[in-house]
Amino acid sequence: MATLGKAVRKSVALPLRTAKRVSALAKSQHTSANRVLVDLIEAGLQSREAEKQHYLGMVEKLATTTDPSAREQLKRELAELTFGA
């Protein structure tokens, strides 16, 4: 994942276990811990955006579906996504 634009320096405190995992991952990938952190953050942000799009797609489908059983299934799935299992 390429870095676009100007870089901004941020300070982050990591739990020891997480820091060790990041270091081990960086070593195995022959890269820096900073690069690993940037990649993980970008992947997490993309994942959150995908979840949001999935949710909004389900809401749209619920609004347009006329089949009662499909509407109930969508309502259950949306409730699970919103409130957990």
PDB file of N, CA and C in Angstrom:
ATOM      1  N   MET A   1       0.843  -1.180   0.000  1.00  0.00           N
ATOM      2  CA  MET A   1       0.000   0.000   0.000  1.00  0.00           C
ATOM      3  C   MET A   1       0.883   1.235   0.000  1.00  0.00           C
ATOM      4  N   ALA A   2       0.709   2.043  -0.969  1.00  0.00           N
ATOM      5  CA  ALA A   2       1.550   3.217  -1.127  1.00  0.00           C
ATOM      6  C   ALA A   2       1.061   4.358  -0.235  1.00  0.00           C
ATOM      7  N   THR A   3       2.022   5.095   0.295  1.00  0.00           N
ATOM      8  CA  THR A   3       1.685   6.263   1.093  1.00  0.00           C
ATOM      9  C   THR A   3       1.491   7.436   0.142  1.00  0.00           C
ATOM     10  N   LEU A   4       0.359   8.117   0.265  1.00  0.00           N
ATOM     11  CA  LEU A   4       0.060   9.251  -0.583  1.00  0.00           C
ATOM     12  C   LEU A   4       0.138  10.523   0.226  1.00  0.00           C
ATOM     13  N   GLY A   5       0.676  11.563  -0.366  1.00  0.00           N
ATOM     14  CA  GLY A   5       0.718  12.854   0.309  1.00  0.00           C
ATOM     15  C   GLY A   5       1.778  12.925   1.387  1.00  0.00           C
ATOM     16  N   LYS A   6       1.674  13.981   2.163  1.00  0.00           N
ATOM     17  CA  LYS A   6       2.639  14.248   3.217  1.00  0.00           C
ATOM     18  C   LYS A   6       2.399  13.338   4.411  1.00  0.00           C
ATOM     19  N   ALA A   7       3.461  12.840   4.984  1.00  0.00           N
ATOM     20  CA  ALA A   7       3.363  11.983   6.165  1.00  0.00           C
ATOM     21  C   ALA A   7       3.205  12.850   7.416  1.00  0.00           C
ATOM     22  N   VAL A   8       2.427  12.359   8.353  1.00  0.00           N
ATOM     23  CA  VAL A   8       2.207  13.041   9.617  1.00  0.00           C
ATOM     24  C   VAL A   8       2.719  12.135  10.728  1.00  0.00           C
ATOM     25  N   ARG A   9       3.503  12.684  11.598  1.00  0.00           N
ATOM     26  CA  ARG A   9       4.079  11.911  12.688  1.00  0.00           C
ATOM     27  C   ARG A   9       3.072  11.803  13.828  1.00  0.00           C
ATOM     28  N   LYS A  10       2.834  10.592  14.307  1.00  0.00           N
ATOM     29  CA  LYS A  10       1.931  10.324  15.426  1.00  0.00           C
ATOM     30  C   LYS A  10       2.662   9.433  16.418  1.00  0.00           C
ATOM     31  N   SER A  11       2.367   9.641  17.682  1.00  0.00           N
ATOM     32  CA  SER A  11       2.933   8.803  18.729  1.00  0.00           C
ATOM     33  C   SER A  11       1.838   7.882  19.246  1.00  0.00           C
ATOM     34  N   VAL A  12       2.138   6.589  19.302  1.00  0.00           N
ATOM     35  CA  VAL A  12       1.160   5.613  19.731  1.00  0.00           C
ATOM     36  C   VAL A  12       1.784   4.700  20.780  1.00  0.00           C
ATOM     37  N   ALA A  13       1.075   4.484  21.869  1.00  0.00           N
ATOM     38  CA  ALA A  13       1.526   3.548  22.892  1.00  0.00           C
ATOM     39  C   ALA A  13       0.841   2.209  22.628  1.00  0.00           C
ATOM     40  N   LEU A  14       1.644   1.169  22.465  1.00  0.00           N
ATOM     41  CA  LEU A  14       1.118  -0.164  22.202  1.00  0.00           C
ATOM     42  C   LEU A  14       1.313  -1.053  23.421  1.00  0.00           C
ATOM     43  N   PRO A  15       0.363  -1.935  23.675  1.00  0.00           N
ATOM     44  CA  PRO A  15       0.600  -2.936  24.715  1.00  0.00           C
ATOM     45  C   PRO A  15       1.815  -3.778  24.327  1.00  0.00           C
ATOM     46  N   LEU A  16       2.534  -4.263  25.302  1.00  0.00           N
ATOM     47  CA  LEU A  16       3.772  -5.003  25.053  1.00  0.00           C
ATOM     48  C   LEU A  16       3.555  -6.174  24.098  1.00  0.00           C
ATOM     49  N   ARG A  17       2.499  -6.929  24.313  1.00  0.00           N
ATOM     50  CA  ARG A  17       2.233  -8.088  23.459  1.00  0.00           C
ATOM     51  C   ARG A  17       2.022  -7.662  22.013  1.00  0.00           C
ATOM     52  N   THR A  18       1.293  -6.589  21.802  1.00  0.00           N
ATOM     53  CA  THR A  18       1.051  -6.091  20.444  1.00  0.00           C
ATOM     54  C   THR A  18       2.349  -5.604  19.818  1.00  0.00           C
ATOM     55  N   ALA A  19       3.149  -4.882  20.576  1.00  0.00           N
ATOM     56  CA  ALA A  19       4.429  -4.379  20.066  1.00  0.00           C
ATOM     57  C   ALA A  19       5.338  -5.533  19.647  1.00  0.00           C
ATOM     58  N   LYS A  20       5.358  -6.599  20.421  1.00  0.00           N
ATOM     59  CA  LYS A  20       6.177  -7.761  20.070  1.00  0.00           C
ATOM     60  C   LYS A  20       5.675  -8.421  18.791  1.00  0.00           C
ATOM     61  N   ARG A  21       4.361  -8.496  18.652  1.00  0.00           N
ATOM     62  CA  ARG A  21       3.782  -9.090  17.437  1.00  0.00           C
ATOM     63  C   ARG A  21       4.112  -8.246  16.213  1.00  0.00           C
ATOM     64  N   VAL A  22       4.041  -6.916  16.358  1.00  0.00           N
ATOM     65  CA  VAL A  22       4.373  -6.013  15.255  1.00  0.00           C
ATOM     66  C   VAL A  22       5.842  -6.183  14.870  1.00  0.00           C
ATOM     67  N   SER A  23       6.714  -6.235  15.870  1.00  0.00           N
ATOM     68  CA  SER A  23       8.150  -6.405  15.604  1.00  0.00           C
ATOM     69  C   SER A  23       8.429  -7.728  14.901  1.00  0.00           C
ATOM     70  N   ALA A  24       7.778  -8.794  15.355  1.00  0.00           N
ATOM     71  CA  ALA A  24       7.983 -10.108  14.742  1.00  0.00           C
ATOM     72  C   ALA A  24       7.480 -10.106  13.297  1.00  0.00           C
ATOM     73  N   LEU A  25       6.366  -9.478  13.074  1.00  0.00           N
ATOM     74  CA  LEU A  25       5.819  -9.395  11.718  1.00  0.00           C
ATOM     75  C   LEU A  25       6.745  -8.587  10.808  1.00  0.00           C
ATOM     76  N   ALA A  26       7.267  -7.481  11.327  1.00  0.00           N
ATOM     77  CA  ALA A  26       8.193  -6.656  10.546  1.00  0.00           C
ATOM     78  C   ALA A  26       9.446  -7.450  10.186  1.00  0.00           C
ATOM     79  N   LYS A  27       9.947  -8.187  11.147  1.00  0.00           N
ATOM     80  CA  LYS A  27      11.155  -8.972  10.898  1.00  0.00           C
ATOM     81  C   LYS A  27      10.894 -10.048   9.841  1.00  0.00           C
ATOM     82  N   SER A  28       9.751 -10.719   9.948  1.00  0.00           N
ATOM     83  CA  SER A  28       9.452 -11.788   8.989  1.00  0.00           C
ATOM     84  C   SER A  28       9.201 -11.236   7.582  1.00  0.00           C
ATOM     85  N   GLN A  29       8.731  -9.990   7.486  1.00  0.00           N
ATOM     86  CA  GLN A  29       8.471  -9.378   6.187  1.00  0.00           C
ATOM     87  C   GLN A  29       9.653  -8.544   5.690  1.00  0.00           C
ATOM     88  N   HIS A  30      10.719  -8.509   6.478  1.00  0.00           N
ATOM     89  CA  HIS A  30      11.913  -7.729   6.126  1.00  0.00           C
ATOM     90  C   HIS A  30      11.563  -6.267   5.865  1.00  0.00           C
ATOM     91  N   THR A  31      10.815  -5.692   6.784  1.00  0.00           N
ATOM     92  CA  THR A  31      10.409  -4.297   6.678  1.00  0.00           C
ATOM     93  C   THR A  31      10.446  -3.669   8.070  1.00  0.00           C
ATOM     94  N   SER A  32      10.070  -2.418   8.160  1.00  0.00           N
ATOM     95  CA  SER A  32      10.090  -1.730   9.447  1.00  0.00           C
ATOM     96  C   SER A  32       8.781  -1.924  10.197  1.00  0.00           C
ATOM     97  N   ALA A  33       8.848  -1.756  11.510  1.00  0.00           N
ATOM     98  CA  ALA A  33       7.638  -1.821  12.328  1.00  0.00           C
ATOM     99  C   ALA A  33       6.683  -0.703  11.919  1.00  0.00           C
ATOM    100  N   ASN A  34       7.216   0.437  11.545  1.00  0.00           N
ATOM    101  CA  ASN A  34       6.383   1.549  11.097  1.00  0.00           C
ATOM    102  C   ASN A  34       5.567   1.153   9.869  1.00  0.00           C
ATOM    103  N   ARG A  35       6.210   0.500   8.909  1.00  0.00           N
ATOM    104  CA  ARG A  35       5.514   0.070   7.688  1.00  0.00           C
ATOM    105  C   ARG A  35       4.414  -0.929   8.031  1.00  0.00           C
ATOM    106  N   VAL A  36       4.713  -1.855   8.950  1.00  0.00           N
ATOM    107  CA  VAL A  36       3.712  -2.841   9.371  1.00  0.00           C
ATOM    108  C   VAL A  36       2.524  -2.128  10.003  1.00  0.00           C
ATOM    109  N   LEU A  37       2.780  -1.161  10.870  1.00  0.00           N
ATOM    110  CA  LEU A  37       1.696  -0.422  11.518  1.00  0.00           C
ATOM    111  C   LEU A  37       0.854   0.332  10.501  1.00  0.00           C
ATOM    112  N   VAL A  38       1.499   0.979   9.547  1.00  0.00           N
ATOM    113  CA  VAL A  38       0.761   1.710   8.510  1.00  0.00           C
ATOM    114  C   VAL A  38      -0.113   0.749   7.715  1.00  0.00           C
ATOM    115  N   ASP A  39       0.444  -0.389   7.317  1.00  0.00           N
ATOM    116  CA  ASP A  39      -0.325  -1.375   6.551  1.00  0.00           C
ATOM    117  C   ASP A  39      -1.510  -1.904   7.349  1.00  0.00           C
ATOM    118  N   LEU A  40      -1.288  -2.195   8.635  1.00  0.00           N
ATOM    119  CA  LEU A  40      -2.373  -2.701   9.476  1.00  0.00           C
ATOM    120  C   LEU A  40      -3.468  -1.655   9.665  1.00  0.00           C
ATOM    121  N   ILE A  41      -3.085  -0.407   9.864  1.00  0.00           N
ATOM    122  CA  ILE A  41      -4.071   0.663  10.030  1.00  0.00           C
ATOM    123  C   ILE A  41      -4.867   0.855   8.745  1.00  0.00           C
ATOM    124  N   GLU A  42      -4.185   0.871   7.597  1.00  0.00           N
ATOM    125  CA  GLU A  42      -4.882   1.022   6.322  1.00  0.00           C
ATOM    126  C   GLU A  42      -5.841  -0.136   6.082  1.00  0.00           C
ATOM    127  N   ALA A  43      -5.411  -1.360   6.386  1.00  0.00           N
ATOM    128  CA  ALA A  43      -6.284  -2.523   6.217  1.00  0.00           C
ATOM    129  C   ALA A  43      -7.494  -2.428   7.140  1.00  0.00           C
ATOM    130  N   GLY A  44      -7.283  -1.976   8.355  1.00  0.00           N
ATOM    131  CA  GLY A  44      -8.388  -1.813   9.294  1.00  0.00           C
ATOM    132  C   GLY A  44      -9.375  -0.762   8.834  1.00  0.00           C
ATOM    133  N   LEU A  45      -8.883   0.339   8.321  1.00  0.00           N
ATOM    134  CA  LEU A  45      -9.764   1.396   7.813  1.00  0.00           C
ATOM    135  C   LEU A  45     -10.569   0.908   6.615  1.00  0.00           C
ATOM    136  N   GLN A  46      -9.921   0.164   5.730  1.00  0.00           N
ATOM    137  CA  GLN A  46     -10.632  -0.388   4.573  1.00  0.00           C
ATOM    138  C   GLN A  46     -11.697  -1.384   5.014  1.00  0.00           C
ATOM    139  N   SER A  47     -11.382  -2.171   6.022  1.00  0.00           N
ATOM    140  CA  SER A  47     -12.338  -3.136   6.541  1.00  0.00           C
ATOM    141  C   SER A  47     -13.553  -2.441   7.139  1.00  0.00           C
ATOM    142  N   ARG A  48     -13.327  -1.382   7.904  1.00  0.00           N
ATOM    143  CA  ARG A  48     -14.433  -0.617   8.482  1.00  0.00           C
ATOM    144  C   ARG A  48     -15.316  -0.012   7.391  1.00  0.00           C
ATOM    145  N   GLU A  49     -14.696   0.505   6.348  1.00  0.00           N
ATOM    146  CA  GLU A  49     -15.456   1.099   5.244  1.00  0.00           C
ATOM    147  C   GLU A  49     -16.279   0.021   4.534  1.00  0.00           C
ATOM    148  N   ALA A  50     -15.698  -1.168   4.351  1.00  0.00           N
ATOM    149  CA  ALA A  50     -16.426  -2.265   3.712  1.00  0.00           C
ATOM    150  C   ALA A  50     -17.616  -2.691   4.567  1.00  0.00           C
ATOM    151  N   GLU A  51     -17.440  -2.748   5.886  1.00  0.00           N
ATOM    152  CA  GLU A  51     -18.539  -3.085   6.790  1.00  0.00           C
ATOM    153  C   GLU A  51     -19.658  -2.054   6.680  1.00  0.00           C
ATOM    154  N   LYS A  52     -19.274  -0.788   6.618  1.00  0.00           N
ATOM    155  CA  LYS A  52     -20.253   0.294   6.506  1.00  0.00           C
ATOM    156  C   LYS A  52     -21.038   0.162   5.203  1.00  0.00           C
ATOM    157  N   GLN A  53     -20.337  -0.105   4.091  1.00  0.00           N
ATOM    158  CA  GLN A  53     -20.993  -0.247   2.800  1.00  0.00           C
ATOM    159  C   GLN A  53     -21.926  -1.458   2.788  1.00  0.00           C
ATOM    160  N   HIS A  54     -21.504  -2.541   3.425  1.00  0.00           N
ATOM    161  CA  HIS A  54     -22.339  -3.743   3.525  1.00  0.00           C
ATOM    162  C   HIS A  54     -23.619  -3.424   4.295  1.00  0.00           C
ATOM    163  N   TYR A  55     -23.483  -2.736   5.411  1.00  0.00           N
ATOM    164  CA  TYR A  55     -24.626  -2.350   6.231  1.00  0.00           C
ATOM    165  C   TYR A  55     -25.586  -1.457   5.439  1.00  0.00           C
ATOM    166  N   LEU A  56     -25.038  -0.442   4.785  1.00  0.00           N
ATOM    167  CA  LEU A  56     -25.882   0.469   4.013  1.00  0.00           C
ATOM    168  C   LEU A  56     -26.568  -0.249   2.855  1.00  0.00           C
ATOM    169  N   GLY A  57     -25.886  -1.210   2.262  1.00  0.00           N
ATOM    170  CA  GLY A  57     -26.491  -2.011   1.201  1.00  0.00           C
ATOM    171  C   GLY A  57     -27.665  -2.831   1.722  1.00  0.00           C
ATOM    172  N   MET A  58     -27.507  -3.382   2.917  1.00  0.00           N
ATOM    173  CA  MET A  58     -28.603  -4.148   3.516  1.00  0.00           C
ATOM    174  C   MET A  58     -29.782  -3.241   3.851  1.00  0.00           C
ATOM    175  N   VAL A  59     -29.506  -2.038   4.336  1.00  0.00           N
ATOM    176  CA  VAL A  59     -30.571  -1.083   4.636  1.00  0.00           C
ATOM    177  C   VAL A  59     -31.322  -0.724   3.354  1.00  0.00           C
ATOM    178  N   GLU A  60     -30.588  -0.493   2.289  1.00  0.00           N
ATOM    179  CA  GLU A  60     -31.205  -0.175   0.993  1.00  0.00           C
ATOM    180  C   GLU A  60     -32.069  -1.333   0.511  1.00  0.00           C
ATOM    181  N   LYS A  61     -31.531  -2.552   0.644  1.00  0.00           N
ATOM    182  CA  LYS A  61     -32.288  -3.728   0.223  1.00  0.00           C
ATOM    183  C   LYS A  61     -33.564  -3.869   1.057  1.00  0.00           C
ATOM    184  N   LEU A  62     -33.472  -3.600   2.362  1.00  0.00           N
ATOM    185  CA  LEU A  62     -34.644  -3.656   3.231  1.00  0.00           C
ATOM    186  C   LEU A  62     -35.704  -2.640   2.788  1.00  0.00           C
ATOM    187  N   ALA A  63     -35.252  -1.467   2.401  1.00  0.00           N
ATOM    188  CA  ALA A  63     -36.182  -0.414   1.984  1.00  0.00           C
ATOM    189  C   ALA A  63     -36.885  -0.753   0.677  1.00  0.00           C
ATOM    190  N   THR A  64     -36.263  -1.544  -0.173  1.00  0.00           N
ATOM    191  CA  THR A  64     -36.842  -1.826  -1.490  1.00  0.00           C
ATOM    192  C   THR A  64     -37.491  -3.198  -1.600  1.00  0.00           C
ATOM    193  N   THR A  65     -37.250  -4.085  -0.644  1.00  0.00           N
ATOM    194  CA  THR A  65     -37.799  -5.442  -0.704  1.00  0.00           C
ATOM    195  C   THR A  65     -39.260  -5.449  -0.280  1.00  0.00           C
ATOM    196  N   THR A  66     -40.061  -6.160  -1.062  1.00  0.00           N
ATOM    197  CA  THR A  66     -41.492  -6.257  -0.737  1.00  0.00           C
ATOM    198  C   THR A  66     -41.861  -7.625  -0.162  1.00  0.00           C
ATOM    199  N   ASP A  67     -40.995  -8.597  -0.312  1.00  0.00           N
ATOM    200  CA  ASP A  67     -41.256  -9.947   0.207  1.00  0.00           C
ATOM    201  C   ASP A  67     -41.167  -9.937   1.736  1.00  0.00           C
ATOM    202  N   PRO A  68     -42.249 -10.282   2.442  1.00  0.00           N
ATOM    203  CA  PRO A  68     -42.250 -10.220   3.907  1.00  0.00           C
ATOM    204  C   PRO A  68     -41.197 -11.105   4.583  1.00  0.00           C
ATOM    205  N   SER A  69     -40.973 -12.308   4.064  1.00  0.00           N
ATOM    206  CA  SER A  69     -39.980 -13.191   4.686  1.00  0.00           C
ATOM    207  C   SER A  69     -38.562 -12.645   4.480  1.00  0.00           C
ATOM    208  N   ALA A  70     -38.295 -12.092   3.318  1.00  0.00           N
ATOM    209  CA  ALA A  70     -36.983 -11.488   3.060  1.00  0.00           C
ATOM    210  C   ALA A  70     -36.777 -10.264   3.939  1.00  0.00           C
ATOM    211  N   ARG A  71     -37.840  -9.483   4.145  1.00  0.00           N
ATOM    212  CA  ARG A  71     -37.752  -8.303   5.021  1.00  0.00           C
ATOM    213  C   ARG A  71     -37.430  -8.717   6.455  1.00  0.00           C
ATOM    214  N   GLU A  72     -38.077  -9.772   6.941  1.00  0.00           N
ATOM    215  CA  GLU A  72     -37.813 -10.243   8.306  1.00  0.00           C
ATOM    216  C   GLU A  72     -36.376 -10.733   8.447  1.00  0.00           C
ATOM    217  N   GLN A  73     -35.897 -11.455   7.437  1.00  0.00           N
ATOM    218  CA  GLN A  73     -34.510 -11.945   7.463  1.00  0.00           C
ATOM    219  C   GLN A  73     -33.535 -10.760   7.478  1.00  0.00           C
ATOM    220  N   LEU A  74     -33.782  -9.766   6.645  1.00  0.00           N
ATOM    221  CA  LEU A  74     -32.925  -8.578   6.616  1.00  0.00           C
ATOM    222  C   LEU A  74     -32.968  -7.836   7.946  1.00  0.00           C
ATOM    223  N   LYS A  75     -34.147  -7.743   8.544  1.00  0.00           N
ATOM    224  CA  LYS A  75     -34.268  -7.084   9.850  1.00  0.00           C
ATOM    225  C   LYS A  75     -33.441  -7.814  10.901  1.00  0.00           C
ATOM    226  N   ARG A  76     -33.503  -9.149  10.895  1.00  0.00           N
ATOM    227  CA  ARG A  76     -32.710  -9.940  11.851  1.00  0.00           C
ATOM    228  C   ARG A  76     -31.214  -9.723  11.634  1.00  0.00           C
ATOM    229  N   GLU A  77     -30.793  -9.747  10.382  1.00  0.00           N
ATOM    230  CA  GLU A  77     -29.364  -9.561  10.067  1.00  0.00           C
ATOM    231  C   GLU A  77     -28.895  -8.156  10.460  1.00  0.00           C
ATOM    232  N   LEU A  78     -29.706  -7.159  10.171  1.00  0.00           N
ATOM    233  CA  LEU A  78     -29.344  -5.784  10.547  1.00  0.00           C
ATOM    234  C   LEU A  78     -29.283  -5.629  12.065  1.00  0.00           C
ATOM    235  N   ALA A  79     -30.231  -6.242  12.767  1.00  0.00           N
ATOM    236  CA  ALA A  79     -30.216  -6.176  14.227  1.00  0.00           C
ATOM    237  C   ALA A  79     -28.959  -6.839  14.776  1.00  0.00           C
ATOM    238  N   GLU A  80     -28.558  -7.963  14.185  1.00  0.00           N
ATOM    239  CA  GLU A  80     -27.350  -8.664  14.627  1.00  0.00           C
ATOM    240  C   GLU A  80     -26.104  -7.813  14.370  1.00  0.00           C
ATOM    241  N   LEU A  81     -26.060  -7.166  13.203  1.00  0.00           N
ATOM    242  CA  LEU A  81     -24.924  -6.295  12.905  1.00  0.00           C
ATOM    243  C   LEU A  81     -24.886  -5.089  13.840  1.00  0.00           C
ATOM    244  N   THR A  82     -26.053  -4.570  14.165  1.00  0.00           N
ATOM    245  CA  THR A  82     -26.125  -3.369  14.994  1.00  0.00           C
ATOM    246  C   THR A  82     -25.875  -3.665  16.465  1.00  0.00           C
ATOM    247  N   PHE A  83     -26.520  -4.718  16.979  1.00  0.00           N
ATOM    248  CA  PHE A  83     -26.485  -4.977  18.413  1.00  0.00           C
ATOM    249  C   PHE A  83     -25.651  -6.180  18.802  1.00  0.00           C
ATOM    250  N   GLY A  84     -25.160  -6.936  17.832  1.00  0.00           N
ATOM    251  CA  GLY A  84     -24.375  -8.124  18.129  1.00  0.00           C
ATOM    252  C   GLY A  84     -25.260  -9.347  18.235  1.00  0.00           C
ATOM    253  N   ALA A  85     -24.626 -10.490  18.372  1.00  0.00           N
ATOM    254  CA  ALA A  85     -25.370 -11.749  18.406  1.00  0.00           C
ATOM    255  C   ALA A  85     -26.001 -12.016  19.707  1.00  0.00           C
TER     256      ALA A  85
END
